[in-house]
Amino acid sequence: MTSDDVFIIKASEAEKHIQPTVLKQIIIKPASVQIKPKTKQTFLAKGLDQFGREIETGPVQWSTAGGDITENGVFSAGSDEGNSSL
């Protein structure tokens, strides 16, 4: 017999509620993009914990070559054509 506040869950699911979350992966979206010189593209950073759940990343420090990028992930392409990476 169980009461309304007792649940039976798998050990793997219980572990998600016991262990502190740890940032394990940062996904940048879009992963790749083609833009014209002197145009802008906004990038987003999404963090995932050890269980694949979304987690706060904290402040992201962006850097790039071939243009400028703001602290909010807005990339401004330079005037020359070419490749750039974040």
N, C-alpha and C. Protein backbone atom coordinates (compact mmCIF):
# COMPACT_ATOMS: atom_id res chain seq x y z
N MET A 1 0.84 -1.17 0.00
CA MET A 1 0.00 0.00 0.00
C MET A 1 0.89 1.24 0.00
N THR A 2 0.54 2.22 -0.82
CA THR A 2 1.27 3.48 -0.87
C THR A 2 0.32 4.63 -0.65
N SER A 3 0.88 5.75 -0.23
CA SER A 3 0.06 6.95 -0.05
C SER A 3 0.27 7.87 -1.25
N ASP A 4 -0.45 8.97 -1.29
CA ASP A 4 -0.37 9.89 -2.41
C ASP A 4 0.99 10.56 -2.55
N ASP A 5 1.79 10.61 -1.49
CA ASP A 5 3.08 11.28 -1.56
C ASP A 5 4.27 10.32 -1.65
N VAL A 6 4.04 9.07 -1.99
CA VAL A 6 5.10 8.09 -2.16
C VAL A 6 5.11 7.64 -3.62
N PHE A 7 6.29 7.67 -4.22
CA PHE A 7 6.43 7.29 -5.62
C PHE A 7 7.55 6.27 -5.75
N ILE A 8 7.41 5.37 -6.67
CA ILE A 8 8.47 4.42 -6.99
C ILE A 8 9.04 4.84 -8.33
N ILE A 9 10.37 5.15 -8.34
CA ILE A 9 11.02 5.55 -9.58
C ILE A 9 12.30 4.76 -9.75
N LYS A 10 12.79 4.71 -10.98
CA LYS A 10 14.03 4.01 -11.28
C LYS A 10 15.21 4.74 -10.65
N ALA A 11 16.26 4.01 -10.36
CA ALA A 11 17.46 4.59 -9.74
C ALA A 11 18.04 5.70 -10.62
N SER A 12 18.05 5.50 -11.94
CA SER A 12 18.60 6.51 -12.84
C SER A 12 17.82 7.82 -12.76
N GLU A 13 16.51 7.72 -12.58
CA GLU A 13 15.68 8.92 -12.45
C GLU A 13 15.90 9.56 -11.07
N ALA A 14 16.05 8.77 -10.04
CA ALA A 14 16.30 9.30 -8.69
C ALA A 14 17.63 10.05 -8.64
N GLU A 15 18.62 9.54 -9.36
CA GLU A 15 19.94 10.17 -9.40
C GLU A 15 19.85 11.60 -9.93
N LYS A 16 18.97 11.85 -10.87
CA LYS A 16 18.79 13.19 -11.43
C LYS A 16 18.31 14.18 -10.38
N HIS A 17 17.61 13.70 -9.37
CA HIS A 17 17.07 14.58 -8.34
C HIS A 17 18.00 14.72 -7.15
N ILE A 18 18.99 13.83 -7.03
CA ILE A 18 19.90 13.84 -5.89
C ILE A 18 21.20 14.57 -6.22
N GLN A 19 21.80 14.24 -7.38
CA GLN A 19 23.08 14.82 -7.75
C GLN A 19 22.93 16.30 -8.11
N PRO A 20 23.89 17.12 -7.70
CA PRO A 20 23.86 18.51 -8.14
C PRO A 20 24.12 18.58 -9.65
N THR A 21 23.47 19.52 -10.31
CA THR A 21 23.66 19.63 -11.75
C THR A 21 25.03 20.22 -12.05
N VAL A 22 25.62 19.75 -13.15
CA VAL A 22 26.93 20.19 -13.59
C VAL A 22 26.83 20.53 -15.07
N LEU A 23 27.34 21.69 -15.45
CA LEU A 23 27.36 22.08 -16.85
C LEU A 23 28.33 21.17 -17.59
N LYS A 24 27.83 20.39 -18.55
CA LYS A 24 28.66 19.44 -19.28
C LYS A 24 28.85 19.80 -20.75
N GLN A 25 27.93 20.60 -21.31
CA GLN A 25 28.00 20.88 -22.73
C GLN A 25 27.37 22.24 -23.01
N ILE A 26 27.97 22.97 -23.95
CA ILE A 26 27.38 24.21 -24.44
C ILE A 26 27.15 24.05 -25.93
N ILE A 27 25.91 24.29 -26.33
CA ILE A 27 25.54 24.19 -27.74
C ILE A 27 25.33 25.60 -28.27
N ILE A 28 25.97 25.91 -29.39
CA ILE A 28 25.83 27.21 -30.04
C ILE A 28 24.86 27.06 -31.20
N LYS A 29 23.85 27.94 -31.23
CA LYS A 29 22.88 27.92 -32.32
C LYS A 29 22.82 29.28 -32.97
N PRO A 30 22.82 29.37 -34.29
CA PRO A 30 22.98 28.24 -35.19
C PRO A 30 24.42 27.72 -35.15
N ALA A 31 24.57 26.44 -35.47
CA ALA A 31 25.89 25.81 -35.44
C ALA A 31 26.79 26.35 -36.56
N SER A 32 26.21 26.65 -37.69
CA SER A 32 26.95 27.28 -38.79
C SER A 32 25.97 28.13 -39.59
N VAL A 33 26.51 29.14 -40.23
CA VAL A 33 25.66 30.06 -40.98
C VAL A 33 26.49 30.72 -42.06
N GLN A 34 25.85 31.08 -43.15
CA GLN A 34 26.50 31.87 -44.20
C GLN A 34 25.80 33.22 -44.24
N ILE A 35 26.59 34.27 -44.06
CA ILE A 35 26.03 35.62 -44.13
C ILE A 35 26.91 36.47 -45.03
N LYS A 36 26.35 37.54 -45.52
CA LYS A 36 27.08 38.44 -46.41
C LYS A 36 27.90 39.43 -45.58
N PRO A 37 28.97 39.99 -46.19
CA PRO A 37 29.74 41.01 -45.48
C PRO A 37 28.83 42.15 -45.01
N LYS A 38 29.19 42.72 -43.88
CA LYS A 38 28.50 43.86 -43.26
C LYS A 38 27.06 43.54 -42.84
N THR A 39 26.76 42.27 -42.59
CA THR A 39 25.44 41.91 -42.06
C THR A 39 25.62 41.33 -40.67
N LYS A 40 24.50 41.07 -39.99
CA LYS A 40 24.56 40.60 -38.60
C LYS A 40 23.87 39.25 -38.46
N GLN A 41 24.30 38.51 -37.44
CA GLN A 41 23.69 37.23 -37.09
C GLN A 41 23.75 37.09 -35.57
N THR A 42 22.64 36.71 -34.96
CA THR A 42 22.62 36.49 -33.52
C THR A 42 22.83 35.01 -33.23
N PHE A 43 23.73 34.72 -32.29
CA PHE A 43 24.01 33.37 -31.84
C PHE A 43 23.53 33.21 -30.41
N LEU A 44 23.07 32.01 -30.08
CA LEU A 44 22.61 31.70 -28.74
C LEU A 44 23.43 30.56 -28.17
N ALA A 45 23.72 30.61 -26.88
CA ALA A 45 24.43 29.53 -26.19
C ALA A 45 23.45 28.85 -25.25
N LYS A 46 23.36 27.53 -25.37
CA LYS A 46 22.45 26.74 -24.53
C LYS A 46 23.29 25.73 -23.77
N GLY A 47 23.14 25.69 -22.45
CA GLY A 47 23.89 24.75 -21.63
C GLY A 47 23.09 23.49 -21.35
N LEU A 48 23.80 22.36 -21.26
CA LEU A 48 23.18 21.08 -20.90
C LEU A 48 23.93 20.49 -19.72
N ASP A 49 23.19 19.89 -18.78
CA ASP A 49 23.82 19.25 -17.62
C ASP A 49 24.19 17.80 -17.95
N GLN A 50 24.66 17.09 -16.94
CA GLN A 50 25.13 15.71 -17.13
C GLN A 50 24.02 14.75 -17.53
N PHE A 51 22.78 15.18 -17.42
CA PHE A 51 21.65 14.34 -17.80
C PHE A 51 20.99 14.81 -19.10
N GLY A 52 21.61 15.81 -19.76
CA GLY A 52 21.08 16.31 -21.02
C GLY A 52 19.96 17.33 -20.85
N ARG A 53 19.76 17.80 -19.62
CA ARG A 53 18.72 18.80 -19.36
C ARG A 53 19.32 20.20 -19.51
N GLU A 54 18.50 21.14 -19.95
CA GLU A 54 18.96 22.51 -20.10
C GLU A 54 19.33 23.09 -18.75
N ILE A 55 20.44 23.83 -18.72
CA ILE A 55 20.96 24.43 -17.49
C ILE A 55 21.51 25.81 -17.82
N GLU A 56 21.46 26.71 -16.86
CA GLU A 56 21.98 28.06 -17.03
C GLU A 56 23.48 28.00 -17.28
N THR A 57 23.96 28.75 -18.27
CA THR A 57 25.39 28.76 -18.59
C THR A 57 26.14 29.81 -17.80
N GLY A 58 25.44 30.81 -17.30
CA GLY A 58 26.12 31.95 -16.72
C GLY A 58 26.57 32.85 -17.86
N PRO A 59 27.37 33.87 -17.59
CA PRO A 59 27.81 34.77 -18.65
C PRO A 59 28.65 34.01 -19.69
N VAL A 60 28.40 34.31 -20.96
CA VAL A 60 29.16 33.70 -22.06
C VAL A 60 30.11 34.75 -22.60
N GLN A 61 31.37 34.38 -22.76
CA GLN A 61 32.36 35.30 -23.32
C GLN A 61 32.58 34.90 -24.77
N TRP A 62 32.04 35.70 -25.68
CA TRP A 62 32.12 35.43 -27.10
C TRP A 62 33.40 36.04 -27.67
N SER A 63 33.97 35.38 -28.67
CA SER A 63 35.10 35.96 -29.42
C SER A 63 35.05 35.41 -30.84
N THR A 64 35.60 36.18 -31.76
CA THR A 64 35.57 35.80 -33.17
C THR A 64 36.68 36.50 -33.93
N ALA A 65 36.91 36.03 -35.16
CA ALA A 65 37.80 36.69 -36.11
C ALA A 65 36.95 36.97 -37.34
N GLY A 66 37.23 38.03 -38.06
CA GLY A 66 36.48 38.34 -39.27
C GLY A 66 35.27 39.22 -39.03
N GLY A 67 35.17 39.78 -37.86
CA GLY A 67 34.04 40.64 -37.52
C GLY A 67 34.07 40.94 -36.04
N ASP A 68 32.96 41.43 -35.54
CA ASP A 68 32.83 41.74 -34.11
C ASP A 68 31.63 40.98 -33.56
N ILE A 69 31.68 40.67 -32.27
CA ILE A 69 30.55 40.02 -31.62
C ILE A 69 30.33 40.65 -30.25
N THR A 70 29.07 40.92 -29.94
CA THR A 70 28.75 41.57 -28.68
C THR A 70 28.65 40.53 -27.56
N GLU A 71 28.53 41.01 -26.34
CA GLU A 71 28.37 40.10 -25.20
C GLU A 71 27.04 39.36 -25.25
N ASN A 72 26.12 39.83 -26.10
CA ASN A 72 24.82 39.16 -26.28
C ASN A 72 24.80 38.20 -27.46
N GLY A 73 25.96 37.98 -28.11
CA GLY A 73 26.04 37.02 -29.21
C GLY A 73 25.65 37.55 -30.57
N VAL A 74 25.61 38.88 -30.74
CA VAL A 74 25.28 39.46 -32.04
C VAL A 74 26.58 39.67 -32.81
N PHE A 75 26.74 38.90 -33.89
CA PHE A 75 27.94 38.95 -34.73
C PHE A 75 27.71 39.93 -35.86
N SER A 76 28.64 40.85 -36.06
CA SER A 76 28.62 41.78 -37.19
C SER A 76 29.79 41.41 -38.10
N ALA A 77 29.45 40.95 -39.31
CA ALA A 77 30.49 40.54 -40.25
C ALA A 77 31.26 41.75 -40.73
N GLY A 78 32.54 41.53 -40.98
CA GLY A 78 33.37 42.59 -41.52
C GLY A 78 33.03 42.85 -42.98
N SER A 79 33.82 43.71 -43.63
CA SER A 79 33.52 44.06 -45.02
C SER A 79 34.13 43.11 -46.02
N ASP A 80 35.04 42.23 -45.61
CA ASP A 80 35.68 41.28 -46.51
C ASP A 80 34.98 39.92 -46.47
N GLU A 81 34.92 39.26 -47.64
CA GLU A 81 34.41 37.90 -47.68
C GLU A 81 35.44 36.95 -47.11
N GLY A 82 34.99 35.84 -46.56
CA GLY A 82 35.91 34.85 -46.01
C GLY A 82 35.23 34.03 -44.95
N ASN A 83 36.00 33.25 -44.24
CA ASN A 83 35.47 32.38 -43.18
C ASN A 83 35.79 32.98 -41.83
N SER A 84 34.91 32.75 -40.89
CA SER A 84 35.11 33.20 -39.53
C SER A 84 34.64 32.12 -38.59
N SER A 85 35.17 32.08 -37.42
CA SER A 85 34.71 31.10 -36.44
C SER A 85 34.59 31.79 -35.10
N LEU A 86 33.65 31.24 -34.28
CA LEU A 86 33.44 31.78 -32.94
C LEU A 86 34.37 31.10 -31.99
